[in-house]
Amino acid sequence: MTIKEKAKTTIDNLPEDSTMDDIMHALYIQSKIELGEREIEEGKGIPHAEVKERLLNKWAK
C-alpha cells in the first residue's frame, strides 16, 4: 500500500464530521505508529522490561 493509500484509509476511517485538525492529528499519529513499527523491525526498539525499569526509576526520584 502506498503512503497516499494509507492516508486515504486513515481519513476514510474518521467520522464524517471530522475537522481538518482531526484529520491532521490522525495522519500524524498514523505516521508515528508506522515509524515506531519500522524501528522495531530494524531492532531499534526498547524492550518492555527496560522501559518499565526506566519509568520506575524516574518516578521513584
N, C-alpha and C. Protein backbone atom coordinates (compact mmCIF):
# COMPACT_ATOMS: atom_id res chain seq x y z
N MET A 1 0.85 -1.18 0.00
CA MET A 1 0.00 0.00 0.00
C MET A 1 0.90 1.24 0.00
N THR A 2 0.58 2.21 -0.85
CA THR A 2 1.39 3.43 -0.91
C THR A 2 1.04 4.36 0.25
N ILE A 3 1.88 5.33 0.47
CA ILE A 3 1.64 6.31 1.54
C ILE A 3 0.32 7.02 1.31
N LYS A 4 0.07 7.38 0.06
CA LYS A 4 -1.18 8.07 -0.28
C LYS A 4 -2.40 7.19 0.03
N GLU A 5 -2.30 5.91 -0.28
CA GLU A 5 -3.40 4.98 0.02
C GLU A 5 -3.59 4.84 1.52
N LYS A 6 -2.49 4.79 2.27
CA LYS A 6 -2.59 4.70 3.74
C LYS A 6 -3.26 5.95 4.31
N ALA A 7 -2.89 7.11 3.77
CA ALA A 7 -3.50 8.37 4.23
C ALA A 7 -5.00 8.37 3.94
N LYS A 8 -5.37 7.92 2.74
CA LYS A 8 -6.80 7.87 2.38
C LYS A 8 -7.56 6.94 3.31
N THR A 9 -6.96 5.79 3.64
CA THR A 9 -7.61 4.84 4.53
C THR A 9 -7.79 5.44 5.92
N THR A 10 -6.76 6.11 6.41
CA THR A 10 -6.85 6.76 7.73
C THR A 10 -7.97 7.79 7.73
N ILE A 11 -8.03 8.61 6.70
CA ILE A 11 -9.06 9.64 6.60
C ILE A 11 -10.44 9.01 6.47
N ASP A 12 -10.56 7.97 5.66
CA ASP A 12 -11.86 7.31 5.46
C ASP A 12 -12.39 6.69 6.75
N ASN A 13 -11.50 6.33 7.67
CA ASN A 13 -11.92 5.73 8.94
C ASN A 13 -12.38 6.75 9.97
N LEU A 14 -12.21 8.03 9.68
CA LEU A 14 -12.65 9.08 10.60
C LEU A 14 -14.14 9.36 10.42
N PRO A 15 -14.78 9.90 11.46
CA PRO A 15 -16.19 10.27 11.33
C PRO A 15 -16.39 11.34 10.25
N GLU A 16 -17.58 11.38 9.68
CA GLU A 16 -17.88 12.33 8.61
C GLU A 16 -17.75 13.79 9.05
N ASP A 17 -17.97 14.06 10.33
CA ASP A 17 -17.92 15.45 10.80
C ASP A 17 -16.53 15.84 11.32
N SER A 18 -15.50 15.09 10.93
CA SER A 18 -14.13 15.39 11.38
C SER A 18 -13.67 16.75 10.85
N THR A 19 -12.92 17.43 11.69
CA THR A 19 -12.36 18.72 11.29
C THR A 19 -11.01 18.49 10.61
N MET A 20 -10.48 19.55 10.01
CA MET A 20 -9.15 19.46 9.41
C MET A 20 -8.12 19.12 10.48
N ASP A 21 -8.29 19.68 11.68
CA ASP A 21 -7.38 19.36 12.79
C ASP A 21 -7.45 17.87 13.14
N ASP A 22 -8.66 17.30 13.14
CA ASP A 22 -8.82 15.87 13.42
C ASP A 22 -8.07 15.04 12.37
N ILE A 23 -8.19 15.44 11.11
CA ILE A 23 -7.54 14.72 10.02
C ILE A 23 -6.03 14.81 10.16
N MET A 24 -5.53 16.01 10.41
CA MET A 24 -4.07 16.17 10.55
C MET A 24 -3.54 15.39 11.73
N HIS A 25 -4.30 15.38 12.83
CA HIS A 25 -3.88 14.65 14.03
C HIS A 25 -3.84 13.14 13.73
N ALA A 26 -4.87 12.63 13.07
CA ALA A 26 -4.93 11.20 12.75
C ALA A 26 -3.77 10.80 11.84
N LEU A 27 -3.46 11.63 10.85
CA LEU A 27 -2.35 11.34 9.95
C LEU A 27 -1.02 11.38 10.69
N TYR A 28 -0.87 12.34 11.61
CA TYR A 28 0.35 12.45 12.41
C TYR A 28 0.54 11.20 13.27
N ILE A 29 -0.52 10.80 13.95
CA ILE A 29 -0.45 9.62 14.82
C ILE A 29 -0.13 8.38 14.00
N GLN A 30 -0.78 8.24 12.84
CA GLN A 30 -0.52 7.08 11.98
C GLN A 30 0.94 7.05 11.53
N SER A 31 1.49 8.21 11.19
CA SER A 31 2.89 8.23 10.75
C SER A 31 3.84 7.86 11.88
N LYS A 32 3.53 8.30 13.09
CA LYS A 32 4.37 7.96 14.24
C LYS A 32 4.30 6.47 14.56
N ILE A 33 3.12 5.88 14.43
CA ILE A 33 2.97 4.45 14.66
C ILE A 33 3.79 3.67 13.65
N GLU A 34 3.70 4.07 12.38
CA GLU A 34 4.46 3.38 11.33
C GLU A 34 5.96 3.54 11.55
N LEU A 35 6.40 4.70 11.98
CA LEU A 35 7.82 4.92 12.27
C LEU A 35 8.26 3.98 13.40
N GLY A 36 7.47 3.89 14.44
CA GLY A 36 7.79 3.00 15.56
C GLY A 36 7.86 1.55 15.13
N GLU A 37 6.91 1.14 14.29
CA GLU A 37 6.93 -0.25 13.81
C GLU A 37 8.18 -0.53 12.97
N ARG A 38 8.58 0.43 12.13
CA ARG A 38 9.80 0.25 11.33
C ARG A 38 11.03 0.15 12.24
N GLU A 39 11.09 1.00 13.27
CA GLU A 39 12.22 0.96 14.18
C GLU A 39 12.30 -0.38 14.92
N ILE A 40 11.16 -0.91 15.30
CA ILE A 40 11.15 -2.22 15.97
C ILE A 40 11.65 -3.29 15.02
N GLU A 41 11.19 -3.26 13.76
CA GLU A 41 11.64 -4.23 12.76
C GLU A 41 13.15 -4.13 12.54
N GLU A 42 13.71 -2.93 12.68
CA GLU A 42 15.14 -2.72 12.49
C GLU A 42 15.95 -2.99 13.75
N GLY A 43 15.28 -3.43 14.81
CA GLY A 43 15.97 -3.74 16.05
C GLY A 43 16.29 -2.51 16.90
N LYS A 44 15.65 -1.40 16.62
CA LYS A 44 15.91 -0.17 17.36
C LYS A 44 14.96 0.03 18.54
N GLY A 45 14.03 -0.88 18.74
CA GLY A 45 13.07 -0.74 19.82
C GLY A 45 13.69 -0.98 21.18
N ILE A 46 12.98 -0.57 22.20
CA ILE A 46 13.41 -0.79 23.58
C ILE A 46 12.49 -1.86 24.18
N PRO A 47 13.06 -2.91 24.75
CA PRO A 47 12.23 -3.97 25.34
C PRO A 47 11.32 -3.41 26.45
N HIS A 48 10.15 -3.99 26.57
CA HIS A 48 9.16 -3.55 27.55
C HIS A 48 9.74 -3.49 28.96
N ALA A 49 10.49 -4.51 29.34
CA ALA A 49 11.06 -4.55 30.69
C ALA A 49 11.99 -3.37 30.94
N GLU A 50 12.76 -2.98 29.91
CA GLU A 50 13.66 -1.84 30.06
C GLU A 50 12.90 -0.53 30.20
N VAL A 51 11.84 -0.38 29.43
CA VAL A 51 11.01 0.82 29.53
C VAL A 51 10.39 0.90 30.92
N LYS A 52 9.88 -0.22 31.38
CA LYS A 52 9.27 -0.27 32.71
C LYS A 52 10.28 0.13 33.78
N GLU A 53 11.49 -0.41 33.68
CA GLU A 53 12.53 -0.08 34.66
C GLU A 53 12.88 1.41 34.61
N ARG A 54 13.00 1.95 33.41
CA ARG A 54 13.33 3.37 33.26
C ARG A 54 12.25 4.25 33.90
N LEU A 55 11.00 3.91 33.63
CA LEU A 55 9.91 4.70 34.19
C LEU A 55 9.84 4.59 35.71
N LEU A 56 10.03 3.38 36.23
CA LEU A 56 10.01 3.19 37.68
C LEU A 56 11.15 3.99 38.34
N ASN A 57 12.33 3.96 37.73
CA ASN A 57 13.45 4.72 38.27
C ASN A 57 13.19 6.22 38.21
N LYS A 58 12.56 6.67 37.15
CA LYS A 58 12.27 8.10 37.00
C LYS A 58 11.23 8.54 38.02
N TRP A 59 10.19 7.73 38.21
CA TRP A 59 9.12 8.09 39.14
C TRP A 59 9.56 7.97 40.60
N ALA A 60 10.53 7.12 40.87
CA ALA A 60 10.99 6.90 42.24
C ALA A 60 11.78 8.09 42.79
N LYS A 61 12.24 8.96 41.90
CA LYS A 61 13.06 10.09 42.34
C LYS A 61 12.23 11.14 43.01
